[in-house]
Amino acid sequence: MTKQEFINLIAPAAVEAYKKYGILPSLTLAQAALESNWGNSAPGNMLFGIKWTKDCGFGWQLLWTKE
């Protein structure tokens, strides 16, 4: 995925987060790019390493990291 493709993919959610939480889309995009290596290191689209919780409405994954 190119950097532009990554931006195009993430931009709608970044704009939605801005409308809901007031977080600038540019900040969301920058952090997503940084934490996921432009989407290349984000299995399952887990851009921010968000943790799963019971009854959140989504499935879960078990991934090992080297942090």
PDB file of N, CA and C in Angstrom:
ATOM      1  N   MET A   1       0.843  -1.166   0.000  1.00  0.00           N
ATOM      2  CA  MET A   1       0.000   0.000   0.000  1.00  0.00           C
ATOM      3  C   MET A   1       0.897   1.239   0.000  1.00  0.00           C
ATOM      4  N   THR A   2       0.572   2.175  -0.867  1.00  0.00           N
ATOM      5  CA  THR A   2       1.338   3.422  -0.907  1.00  0.00           C
ATOM      6  C   THR A   2       0.881   4.337   0.232  1.00  0.00           C
ATOM      7  N   LYS A   3       1.657   5.365   0.474  1.00  0.00           N
ATOM      8  CA  LYS A   3       1.283   6.331   1.510  1.00  0.00           C
ATOM      9  C   LYS A   3      -0.034   7.016   1.165  1.00  0.00           C
ATOM     10  N   GLN A   4      -0.224   7.343  -0.102  1.00  0.00           N
ATOM     11  CA  GLN A   4      -1.471   7.992  -0.511  1.00  0.00           C
ATOM     12  C   GLN A   4      -2.663   7.055  -0.348  1.00  0.00           C
ATOM     13  N   GLU A   5      -2.477   5.782  -0.670  1.00  0.00           N
ATOM     14  CA  GLU A   5      -3.556   4.803  -0.475  1.00  0.00           C
ATOM     15  C   GLU A   5      -3.915   4.684   1.005  1.00  0.00           C
ATOM     16  N   PHE A   6      -2.907   4.702   1.858  1.00  0.00           N
ATOM     17  CA  PHE A   6      -3.142   4.639   3.301  1.00  0.00           C
ATOM     18  C   PHE A   6      -3.947   5.854   3.752  1.00  0.00           C
ATOM     19  N   ILE A   7      -3.548   7.022   3.307  1.00  0.00           N
ATOM     20  CA  ILE A   7      -4.271   8.245   3.668  1.00  0.00           C
ATOM     21  C   ILE A   7      -5.717   8.166   3.187  1.00  0.00           C
ATOM     22  N   ASN A   8      -5.916   7.733   1.949  1.00  0.00           N
ATOM     23  CA  ASN A   8      -7.270   7.618   1.402  1.00  0.00           C
ATOM     24  C   ASN A   8      -8.117   6.639   2.206  1.00  0.00           C
ATOM     25  N   LEU A   9      -7.502   5.576   2.700  1.00  0.00           N
ATOM     26  CA  LEU A   9      -8.215   4.567   3.475  1.00  0.00           C
ATOM     27  C   LEU A   9      -8.602   5.077   4.867  1.00  0.00           C
ATOM     28  N   ILE A  10      -7.702   5.814   5.497  1.00  0.00           N
ATOM     29  CA  ILE A  10      -7.900   6.251   6.879  1.00  0.00           C
ATOM     30  C   ILE A  10      -8.653   7.569   6.987  1.00  0.00           C
ATOM     31  N   ALA A  11      -8.580   8.401   5.977  1.00  0.00           N
ATOM     32  CA  ALA A  11      -9.147   9.757   6.035  1.00  0.00           C
ATOM     33  C   ALA A  11     -10.620   9.799   6.459  1.00  0.00           C
ATOM     34  N   PRO A  12     -11.504   8.968   5.923  1.00  0.00           N
ATOM     35  CA  PRO A  12     -12.904   9.061   6.355  1.00  0.00           C
ATOM     36  C   PRO A  12     -13.089   8.837   7.863  1.00  0.00           C
ATOM     37  N   ALA A  13     -12.383   7.881   8.420  1.00  0.00           N
ATOM     38  CA  ALA A  13     -12.482   7.636   9.859  1.00  0.00           C
ATOM     39  C   ALA A  13     -11.863   8.782  10.648  1.00  0.00           C
ATOM     40  N   ALA A  14     -10.800   9.375  10.121  1.00  0.00           N
ATOM     41  CA  ALA A  14     -10.169  10.513  10.798  1.00  0.00           C
ATOM     42  C   ALA A  14     -11.108  11.710  10.830  1.00  0.00           C
ATOM     43  N   VAL A  15     -11.833  11.929   9.762  1.00  0.00           N
ATOM     44  CA  VAL A  15     -12.807  13.033   9.712  1.00  0.00           C
ATOM     45  C   VAL A  15     -13.960  12.743  10.673  1.00  0.00           C
ATOM     46  N   GLU A  16     -14.407  11.503  10.715  1.00  0.00           N
ATOM     47  CA  GLU A  16     -15.480  11.118  11.642  1.00  0.00           C
ATOM     48  C   GLU A  16     -15.049  11.322  13.093  1.00  0.00           C
ATOM     49  N   ALA A  17     -13.808  10.956  13.414  1.00  0.00           N
ATOM     50  CA  ALA A  17     -13.295  11.169  14.769  1.00  0.00           C
ATOM     51  C   ALA A  17     -13.240  12.654  15.099  1.00  0.00           C
ATOM     52  N   TYR A  18     -12.914  13.468  14.114  1.00  0.00           N
ATOM     53  CA  TYR A  18     -12.894  14.917  14.331  1.00  0.00           C
ATOM     54  C   TYR A  18     -14.296  15.430  14.673  1.00  0.00           C
ATOM     55  N   LYS A  19     -15.279  14.970  13.926  1.00  0.00           N
ATOM     56  CA  LYS A  19     -16.650  15.413  14.171  1.00  0.00           C
ATOM     57  C   LYS A  19     -17.148  14.967  15.539  1.00  0.00           C
ATOM     58  N   LYS A  20     -16.742  13.771  15.945  1.00  0.00           N
ATOM     59  CA  LYS A  20     -17.225  13.212  17.204  1.00  0.00           C
ATOM     60  C   LYS A  20     -16.422  13.671  18.415  1.00  0.00           C
ATOM     61  N   TYR A  21     -15.090  13.766  18.266  1.00  0.00           N
ATOM     62  CA  TYR A  21     -14.227  14.033  19.414  1.00  0.00           C
ATOM     63  C   TYR A  21     -13.403  15.312  19.316  1.00  0.00           C
ATOM     64  N   GLY A  22     -13.394  15.959  18.150  1.00  0.00           N
ATOM     65  CA  GLY A  22     -12.635  17.193  17.989  1.00  0.00           C
ATOM     66  C   GLY A  22     -11.145  16.985  17.779  1.00  0.00           C
ATOM     67  N   ILE A  23     -10.735  15.763  17.452  1.00  0.00           N
ATOM     68  CA  ILE A  23      -9.321  15.487  17.201  1.00  0.00           C
ATOM     69  C   ILE A  23      -9.044  15.771  15.725  1.00  0.00           C
ATOM     70  N   LEU A  24      -8.080  16.616  15.463  1.00  0.00           N
ATOM     71  CA  LEU A  24      -7.784  16.987  14.080  1.00  0.00           C
ATOM     72  C   LEU A  24      -7.447  15.760  13.237  1.00  0.00           C
ATOM     73  N   PRO A  25      -8.033  15.656  12.039  1.00  0.00           N
ATOM     74  CA  PRO A  25      -7.740  14.519  11.170  1.00  0.00           C
ATOM     75  C   PRO A  25      -6.252  14.374  10.865  1.00  0.00           C
ATOM     76  N   SER A  26      -5.547  15.475  10.745  1.00  0.00           N
ATOM     77  CA  SER A  26      -4.112  15.404  10.458  1.00  0.00           C
ATOM     78  C   SER A  26      -3.354  14.706  11.589  1.00  0.00           C
ATOM     79  N   LEU A  27      -3.787  14.918  12.828  1.00  0.00           N
ATOM     80  CA  LEU A  27      -3.138  14.253  13.959  1.00  0.00           C
ATOM     81  C   LEU A  27      -3.441  12.761  13.971  1.00  0.00           C
ATOM     82  N   THR A  28      -4.687  12.411  13.689  1.00  0.00           N
ATOM     83  CA  THR A  28      -5.062  10.997  13.639  1.00  0.00           C
ATOM     84  C   THR A  28      -4.294  10.286  12.528  1.00  0.00           C
ATOM     85  N   LEU A  29      -4.227  10.907  11.353  1.00  0.00           N
ATOM     86  CA  LEU A  29      -3.500  10.309  10.236  1.00  0.00           C
ATOM     87  C   LEU A  29      -2.014  10.154  10.554  1.00  0.00           C
ATOM     88  N   ALA A  30      -1.422  11.178  11.131  1.00  0.00           N
ATOM     89  CA  ALA A  30       0.005  11.128  11.454  1.00  0.00           C
ATOM     90  C   ALA A  30       0.293  10.027  12.472  1.00  0.00           C
ATOM     91  N   GLN A  31      -0.519   9.932  13.503  1.00  0.00           N
ATOM     92  CA  GLN A  31      -0.297   8.908  14.529  1.00  0.00           C
ATOM     93  C   GLN A  31      -0.519   7.513  13.957  1.00  0.00           C
ATOM     94  N   ALA A  32      -1.545   7.355  13.123  1.00  0.00           N
ATOM     95  CA  ALA A  32      -1.804   6.056  12.496  1.00  0.00           C
ATOM     96  C   ALA A  32      -0.639   5.650  11.601  1.00  0.00           C
ATOM     97  N   ALA A  33      -0.113   6.590  10.836  1.00  0.00           N
ATOM     98  CA  ALA A  33       1.028   6.300   9.961  1.00  0.00           C
ATOM     99  C   ALA A  33       2.249   5.902  10.783  1.00  0.00           C
ATOM    100  N   LEU A  34       2.493   6.628  11.855  1.00  0.00           N
ATOM    101  CA  LEU A  34       3.654   6.356  12.702  1.00  0.00           C
ATOM    102  C   LEU A  34       3.555   4.982  13.362  1.00  0.00           C
ATOM    103  N   GLU A  35       2.409   4.697  13.980  1.00  0.00           N
ATOM    104  CA  GLU A  35       2.271   3.463  14.748  1.00  0.00           C
ATOM    105  C   GLU A  35       2.136   2.217  13.883  1.00  0.00           C
ATOM    106  N   SER A  36       1.722   2.385  12.634  1.00  0.00           N
ATOM    107  CA  SER A  36       1.487   1.209  11.785  1.00  0.00           C
ATOM    108  C   SER A  36       2.449   1.101  10.610  1.00  0.00           C
ATOM    109  N   ASN A  37       3.435   1.994  10.549  1.00  0.00           N
ATOM    110  CA  ASN A  37       4.346   2.011   9.398  1.00  0.00           C
ATOM    111  C   ASN A  37       3.546   2.133   8.100  1.00  0.00           C
ATOM    112  N   TRP A  38       2.678   3.150   8.079  1.00  0.00           N
ATOM    113  CA  TRP A  38       1.823   3.415   6.919  1.00  0.00           C
ATOM    114  C   TRP A  38       0.940   2.218   6.577  1.00  0.00           C
ATOM    115  N   GLY A  39       0.453   1.529   7.613  1.00  0.00           N
ATOM    116  CA  GLY A  39      -0.453   0.404   7.418  1.00  0.00           C
ATOM    117  C   GLY A  39       0.225  -0.920   7.165  1.00  0.00           C
ATOM    118  N   ASN A  40       1.534  -0.923   7.078  1.00  0.00           N
ATOM    119  CA  ASN A  40       2.266  -2.152   6.782  1.00  0.00           C
ATOM    120  C   ASN A  40       2.475  -3.045   7.997  1.00  0.00           C
ATOM    121  N   SER A  41       2.332  -2.490   9.183  1.00  0.00           N
ATOM    122  CA  SER A  41       2.534  -3.262  10.416  1.00  0.00           C
ATOM    123  C   SER A  41       1.295  -3.176  11.292  1.00  0.00           C
ATOM    124  N   ALA A  42       0.150  -3.351  10.678  1.00  0.00           N
ATOM    125  CA  ALA A  42      -1.104  -3.242  11.419  1.00  0.00           C
ATOM    126  C   ALA A  42      -2.039  -4.388  11.047  1.00  0.00           C
ATOM    127  N   PRO A  43      -1.714  -5.611  11.496  1.00  0.00           N
ATOM    128  CA  PRO A  43      -2.589  -6.723  11.165  1.00  0.00           C
ATOM    129  C   PRO A  43      -4.005  -6.478  11.683  1.00  0.00           C
ATOM    130  N   GLY A  44      -4.966  -6.794  10.866  1.00  0.00           N
ATOM    131  CA  GLY A  44      -6.353  -6.589  11.273  1.00  0.00           C
ATOM    132  C   GLY A  44      -6.742  -5.137  11.407  1.00  0.00           C
ATOM    133  N   ASN A  45      -5.973  -4.244  10.774  1.00  0.00           N
ATOM    134  CA  ASN A  45      -6.231  -2.798  10.838  1.00  0.00           C
ATOM    135  C   ASN A  45      -6.180  -2.250  12.255  1.00  0.00           C
ATOM    136  N   MET A  46      -5.355  -2.833  13.099  1.00  0.00           N
ATOM    137  CA  MET A  46      -5.196  -2.346  14.471  1.00  0.00           C
ATOM    138  C   MET A  46      -4.138  -1.244  14.484  1.00  0.00           C
ATOM    139  N   LEU A  47      -4.538  -0.065  14.076  1.00  0.00           N
ATOM    140  CA  LEU A  47      -3.595   1.030  13.877  1.00  0.00           C
ATOM    141  C   LEU A  47      -3.008   1.574  15.169  1.00  0.00           C
ATOM    142  N   PHE A  48      -3.762   1.517  16.248  1.00  0.00           N
ATOM    143  CA  PHE A  48      -3.296   2.123  17.492  1.00  0.00           C
ATOM    144  C   PHE A  48      -3.096   1.102  18.601  1.00  0.00           C
ATOM    145  N   GLY A  49      -3.091  -0.170  18.280  1.00  0.00           N
ATOM    146  CA  GLY A  49      -2.918  -1.189  19.309  1.00  0.00           C
ATOM    147  C   GLY A  49      -4.038  -1.163  20.326  1.00  0.00           C
ATOM    148  N   ILE A  50      -5.229  -0.803  19.896  1.00  0.00           N
ATOM    149  CA  ILE A  50      -6.368  -0.718  20.812  1.00  0.00           C
ATOM    150  C   ILE A  50      -6.682  -2.105  21.332  1.00  0.00           C
ATOM    151  N   LYS A  51      -6.937  -2.192  22.616  1.00  0.00           N
ATOM    152  CA  LYS A  51      -7.184  -3.468  23.265  1.00  0.00           C
ATOM    153  C   LYS A  51      -8.658  -3.851  23.170  1.00  0.00           C
ATOM    154  N   TRP A  52      -8.903  -5.127  23.042  1.00  0.00           N
ATOM    155  CA  TRP A  52     -10.247  -5.676  22.962  1.00  0.00           C
ATOM    156  C   TRP A  52     -10.822  -5.815  24.356  1.00  0.00           C
ATOM    157  N   THR A  53     -12.104  -5.587  24.497  1.00  0.00           N
ATOM    158  CA  THR A  53     -12.790  -5.824  25.758  1.00  0.00           C
ATOM    159  C   THR A  53     -14.066  -6.616  25.494  1.00  0.00           C
ATOM    160  N   LYS A  54     -14.459  -7.394  26.455  1.00  0.00           N
ATOM    161  CA  LYS A  54     -15.658  -8.215  26.335  1.00  0.00           C
ATOM    162  C   LYS A  54     -16.868  -7.341  26.004  1.00  0.00           C
ATOM    163  N   ASP A  55     -17.721  -7.824  25.146  1.00  0.00           N
ATOM    164  CA  ASP A  55     -18.959  -7.146  24.743  1.00  0.00           C
ATOM    165  C   ASP A  55     -18.731  -5.837  23.992  1.00  0.00           C
ATOM    166  N   CYS A  56     -17.559  -5.663  23.373  1.00  0.00           N
ATOM    167  CA  CYS A  56     -17.311  -4.433  22.613  1.00  0.00           C
ATOM    168  C   CYS A  56     -17.962  -4.487  21.238  1.00  0.00           C
ATOM    169  N   GLY A  57     -18.418  -5.679  20.830  1.00  0.00           N
ATOM    170  CA  GLY A  57     -19.083  -5.809  19.543  1.00  0.00           C
ATOM    171  C   GLY A  57     -18.177  -6.237  18.405  1.00  0.00           C
ATOM    172  N   PHE A  58     -16.907  -6.491  18.703  1.00  0.00           N
ATOM    173  CA  PHE A  58     -15.951  -6.894  17.681  1.00  0.00           C
ATOM    174  C   PHE A  58     -15.241  -8.170  18.115  1.00  0.00           C
ATOM    175  N   GLY A  59     -14.686  -8.885  17.133  1.00  0.00           N
ATOM    176  CA  GLY A  59     -13.901 -10.074  17.428  1.00  0.00           C
ATOM    177  C   GLY A  59     -12.547  -9.691  18.012  1.00  0.00           C
ATOM    178  N   TRP A  60     -11.742 -10.679  18.351  1.00  0.00           N
ATOM    179  CA  TRP A  60     -10.429 -10.403  18.932  1.00  0.00           C
ATOM    180  C   TRP A  60      -9.350 -11.151  18.177  1.00  0.00           C
ATOM    181  N   GLN A  61      -8.115 -10.718  18.385  1.00  0.00           N
ATOM    182  CA  GLN A  61      -6.937 -11.352  17.797  1.00  0.00           C
ATOM    183  C   GLN A  61      -5.874 -11.439  18.872  1.00  0.00           C
ATOM    184  N   LEU A  62      -5.035 -12.448  18.787  1.00  0.00           N
ATOM    185  CA  LEU A  62      -3.885 -12.563  19.674  1.00  0.00           C
ATOM    186  C   LEU A  62      -2.645 -12.319  18.828  1.00  0.00           C
ATOM    187  N   LEU A  63      -1.922 -11.257  19.116  1.00  0.00           N
ATOM    188  CA  LEU A  63      -0.718 -10.895  18.372  1.00  0.00           C
ATOM    189  C   LEU A  63       0.435 -10.674  19.336  1.00  0.00           C
ATOM    190  N   TRP A  64       1.605 -11.132  18.965  1.00  0.00           N
ATOM    191  CA  TRP A  64       2.800 -10.932  19.767  1.00  0.00           C
ATOM    192  C   TRP A  64       3.565  -9.729  19.230  1.00  0.00           C
ATOM    193  N   THR A  65       4.029  -8.868  20.117  1.00  0.00           N
ATOM    194  CA  THR A  65       4.806  -7.706  19.716  1.00  0.00           C
ATOM    195  C   THR A  65       6.192  -7.764  20.333  1.00  0.00           C
ATOM    196  N   LYS A  66       7.062  -6.865  19.894  1.00  0.00           N
ATOM    197  CA  LYS A  66       8.440  -6.824  20.403  1.00  0.00           C
ATOM    198  C   LYS A  66       8.718  -5.490  21.068  1.00  0.00           C
ATOM    199  N   GLU A  67       7.751  -4.955  21.754  1.00  0.00           N
ATOM    200  CA  GLU A  67       7.926  -3.637  22.396  1.00  0.00           C
ATOM    201  C   GLU A  67       8.667  -3.751  23.701  1.00  0.00           C
TER     202      GLU A  67
END
